[in-house]
Amino acid sequence: ASVSYTQIIPVLVKSNQELHERIVDHDAQIADLEAAVASRDQQIDELEERVNALVARMEAVELNAS
């Protein structure tokens, strides 16, 4: 049984194109997820700053009440 490379080449090319499309799609999804994570990280940082400011204010009130 011999292999007909001329028949295999189009199949391999098509397969390679499909894999490339999937990689491009996955790269776009990764970029979207990275942007979402960066946005969430910024929101977390802002909330941490607000919590720290509130804690400082509460401690100041507690000190003044003593």
Protein backbone atom coordinates (compact mmCIF):
# COMPACT_ATOMS: atom_id res chain seq x y z
CA ALA A 1 0.00 0.00 0.00
CA SER A 2 1.63 3.17 -1.16
CA VAL A 3 0.77 6.64 0.09
CA SER A 4 -0.44 9.21 -2.41
CA TYR A 5 1.10 12.40 -1.12
CA THR A 6 -0.70 14.49 -3.71
CA GLN A 7 -4.00 13.47 -2.09
CA ILE A 8 -2.78 14.05 1.46
CA ILE A 9 -1.40 17.55 0.87
CA PRO A 10 -4.79 19.30 0.41
CA VAL A 11 -6.12 17.60 3.55
CA LEU A 12 -3.10 18.72 5.53
CA VAL A 13 -3.34 22.26 4.18
CA LYS A 14 -7.04 22.46 5.07
CA SER A 15 -6.36 21.08 8.52
CA ASN A 16 -3.56 23.58 9.02
CA GLN A 17 -5.86 26.45 7.97
CA GLU A 18 -8.55 25.32 10.41
CA LEU A 19 -6.03 25.09 13.23
CA HIS A 20 -4.74 28.55 12.40
CA GLU A 21 -8.29 29.95 12.55
CA ARG A 22 -8.81 28.33 15.93
CA ILE A 23 -5.54 29.79 17.20
CA VAL A 24 -6.54 33.26 16.00
CA ASP A 25 -9.93 32.89 17.71
CA HIS A 26 -8.31 31.69 20.92
CA ASP A 27 -5.81 34.55 20.85
CA ALA A 28 -8.72 37.01 20.57
CA GLN A 29 -10.51 35.31 23.46
CA ILE A 30 -7.35 35.44 25.56
CA ALA A 31 -6.94 39.15 24.82
CA ASP A 32 -10.56 39.79 25.84
CA LEU A 33 -10.11 37.82 29.06
CA GLU A 34 -6.86 39.62 29.86
CA ALA A 35 -8.63 42.96 29.41
CA ALA A 36 -11.46 41.81 31.67
CA VAL A 37 -8.99 40.69 34.33
CA ALA A 38 -7.15 44.01 34.13
CA SER A 39 -10.46 45.85 34.57
CA ARG A 40 -11.36 43.70 37.57
CA ASP A 41 -7.91 44.24 39.06
CA GLN A 42 -8.41 47.99 38.77
CA GLN A 43 -11.83 47.73 40.42
CA ILE A 44 -10.34 45.64 43.23
CA ASP A 45 -7.56 48.19 43.75
CA GLU A 46 -10.11 51.02 43.92
CA LEU A 47 -12.27 49.09 46.39
CA GLU A 48 -9.24 48.29 48.54
CA GLU A 49 -8.39 51.99 48.66
CA ARG A 50 -11.94 52.84 49.70
CA VAL A 51 -11.97 50.12 52.38
CA ASN A 52 -8.62 51.31 53.73
CA ALA A 53 -9.92 54.89 53.87
CA LEU A 54 -13.05 53.75 55.71
CA VAL A 55 -11.01 51.70 58.18
CA ALA A 56 -8.79 54.71 58.85
CA ARG A 57 -11.84 56.90 59.44
CA MET A 58 -13.39 54.32 61.79
CA GLU A 59 -10.15 54.04 63.75
CA ALA A 60 -9.98 57.84 64.03
CA VAL A 61 -13.58 57.93 65.31
CA GLU A 62 -12.83 55.18 67.83
CA LEU A 63 -9.75 57.05 69.06
CA ASN A 64 -11.74 60.27 69.47
CA ALA A 65 -14.51 58.41 71.30
CA SER A 66 -12.08 57.01 73.88
